[in-house]
Protein backbone atom coordinates (compact mmCIF):
# COMPACT_ATOMS: atom_id res chain seq x y z
CA MET A 1 69.58 -163.34 75.91
CA SER A 2 68.52 -165.22 72.67
CA ASN A 3 69.70 -169.14 71.73
CA ARG A 4 71.43 -169.57 68.75
CA VAL A 5 71.85 -172.61 66.33
CA ALA A 6 74.19 -173.04 63.52
CA TYR A 7 74.17 -175.15 60.35
CA LYS A 8 77.23 -175.37 58.36
CA VAL A 9 78.07 -176.62 54.73
CA ASP A 10 81.46 -176.52 53.29
CA PHE A 11 81.50 -175.33 49.93
CA LYS A 12 84.41 -176.43 47.40
CA TYR A 13 85.02 -174.71 44.24
CA SER A 14 87.73 -175.14 41.76
CA ASN A 15 88.00 -171.25 40.91
CA LYS A 16 87.23 -167.78 41.34
CA ILE A 17 84.63 -167.59 38.97
CA GLU A 18 82.70 -170.66 40.44
CA LEU A 19 82.95 -169.07 43.61
CA LEU A 20 81.65 -165.33 42.83
CA ASP A 21 78.63 -167.18 40.48
CA THR A 22 77.55 -169.23 43.84
CA MET A 23 78.01 -165.94 46.20
CA LEU A 24 75.92 -163.64 43.39
CA SER A 25 73.36 -166.61 43.49
CA VAL A 26 72.95 -166.80 47.15
CA TYR A 27 73.30 -162.95 47.77
CA SER A 28 70.55 -162.39 44.85
CA ILE A 29 67.99 -164.79 46.36
CA THR A 30 68.17 -163.77 50.07
CA TYR A 31 68.60 -159.77 49.46
CA LEU A 32 66.27 -159.53 45.95
CA LYS A 33 64.41 -162.95 47.01
CA THR A 34 64.25 -163.61 43.71
CA PRO A 35 67.44 -164.75 41.28
CA LEU A 36 69.49 -162.85 39.11
CA SER A 37 69.12 -163.99 35.34
CA TYR A 38 71.98 -165.44 33.55
CA ARG A 39 72.78 -162.43 31.56
CA GLU A 40 72.76 -160.27 34.75
CA LYS A 41 75.05 -162.51 36.88
CA GLU A 42 77.48 -162.65 33.74
CA VAL A 43 77.48 -158.79 33.55
CA LEU A 44 77.73 -158.22 37.23
CA ARG A 45 80.23 -160.95 37.80
CA GLU A 46 82.76 -158.79 35.12
CA TYR A 47 82.01 -155.30 36.73
CA ILE A 48 83.11 -156.88 40.41
CA LEU A 49 86.26 -158.80 38.58
CA ASN A 50 87.46 -156.00 36.29
CA GLY A 51 85.51 -152.78 37.33
CA PHE A 52 82.94 -150.50 35.75
CA SER A 53 84.52 -149.14 32.57
CA SER A 54 84.72 -148.91 29.23
CA LYS A 55 86.96 -151.43 28.29
CA THR A 56 84.91 -154.06 30.63
CA LYS A 57 81.79 -152.82 28.90
CA LYS A 58 83.36 -153.52 25.73
CA ALA A 59 84.32 -157.16 26.76
CA ILE A 60 80.92 -157.83 27.86
CA LYS A 61 79.17 -156.71 24.63
CA ALA A 62 81.93 -158.95 22.66
CA SER A 63 81.45 -162.10 24.97
CA LEU A 64 78.13 -162.04 25.36
CA LYS A 65 77.54 -160.76 21.66
CA ILE A 66 75.04 -157.88 22.31
CA LYS A 67 74.79 -154.62 21.47
CA ASP A 68 74.79 -151.14 23.48
CA SER A 69 71.13 -150.98 24.15
CA ASN A 70 71.06 -154.43 25.54
CA LEU A 71 73.99 -153.79 27.96
CA ASN A 72 72.27 -150.63 29.06
CA THR A 73 69.13 -152.21 29.44
CA LEU A 74 70.99 -155.07 31.74
CA ASN A 75 72.82 -152.23 33.74
CA TYR A 76 69.37 -150.20 33.99
CA LYS A 77 67.80 -153.67 35.90
CA LEU A 78 70.79 -154.17 37.93
CA LYS A 79 70.62 -150.46 39.22
CA GLN A 80 66.77 -150.84 39.70
CA LYS A 81 67.45 -154.24 41.72
CA GLY A 82 70.18 -152.04 43.81
CA PHE A 83 73.37 -153.76 42.64
CA LEU A 84 74.78 -150.88 40.75
CA LEU A 85 74.77 -147.41 41.95
CA ASN A 86 75.25 -143.99 40.38
CA HIS A 87 78.89 -142.85 40.32
CA PRO A 88 78.94 -139.53 42.75
CA THR A 89 80.68 -137.63 40.04
CA ASN A 90 80.21 -138.91 36.80
CA GLN A 91 76.92 -139.63 35.22
CA LYS A 92 78.11 -142.04 32.67
CA GLN A 93 79.67 -144.68 35.27
CA LYS A 94 78.16 -146.74 38.03
CA GLU A 95 79.76 -148.47 40.89
CA LEU A 96 79.07 -151.62 42.97
CA ASN A 97 76.44 -151.32 46.25
CA THR A 98 78.29 -151.55 49.45
CA ASP A 99 77.38 -155.22 49.88
CA LEU A 100 79.11 -156.34 46.77
CA THR A 101 82.26 -154.54 47.19
CA ARG A 102 82.25 -156.49 50.47
CA ILE A 103 82.00 -159.71 48.75
CA ARG A 104 84.57 -158.91 46.04
CA ASP A 105 87.13 -157.83 48.71
CA VAL A 106 86.31 -160.98 50.77
CA PHE A 107 85.88 -163.53 48.36
CA MET A 108 88.18 -162.43 45.46
CA ASN A 109 91.58 -162.05 47.32
CA ASP A 110 93.89 -164.74 47.50
CA GLU A 111 95.37 -164.53 51.03
CA GLU A 112 96.06 -167.86 52.28
CA GLY A 113 95.12 -169.47 55.21
CA LEU A 114 92.05 -167.19 55.86
CA GLN A 115 88.91 -169.13 56.69
CA LYS A 116 85.98 -167.45 54.65
CA LEU A 117 82.56 -167.40 55.48
CA PHE A 118 79.25 -166.27 54.17
CA ILE A 119 76.63 -166.09 56.83
CA ILE A 120 72.82 -165.88 56.15
CA ASN A 121 71.06 -164.78 59.26
CA THR A 122 67.48 -166.11 58.88
CA ILE A 123 64.85 -163.72 60.67
CA LYS A 124 61.55 -164.43 60.74
CA ILE A 125 59.02 -161.62 60.00
């Protein structure tokens, strides 16, 4: 039987974008042990909010003022880091990893009255 101790911080946010950016930062630091770059976070956030599609990719290129090659490089880096996975039936498509899908499902829905928790379990190795 192990003893458990918890520390809680209330995170106050003004909109979904701020919440998602914070979740991505915390997740990337705990999962990758390295932060996402600003551009990687922007691209990943768009995929989480709008799905991986040609329409989303076009919007990303316009908002970040980048070319196809730059977006392809960012997508490659996100895939190498484990955030994006190959689509099972379409080589040109990607999908979010399971953790990001859960984060989206939990934190981006608008259900009122739910207390949402993001728990980081610390494990000494």
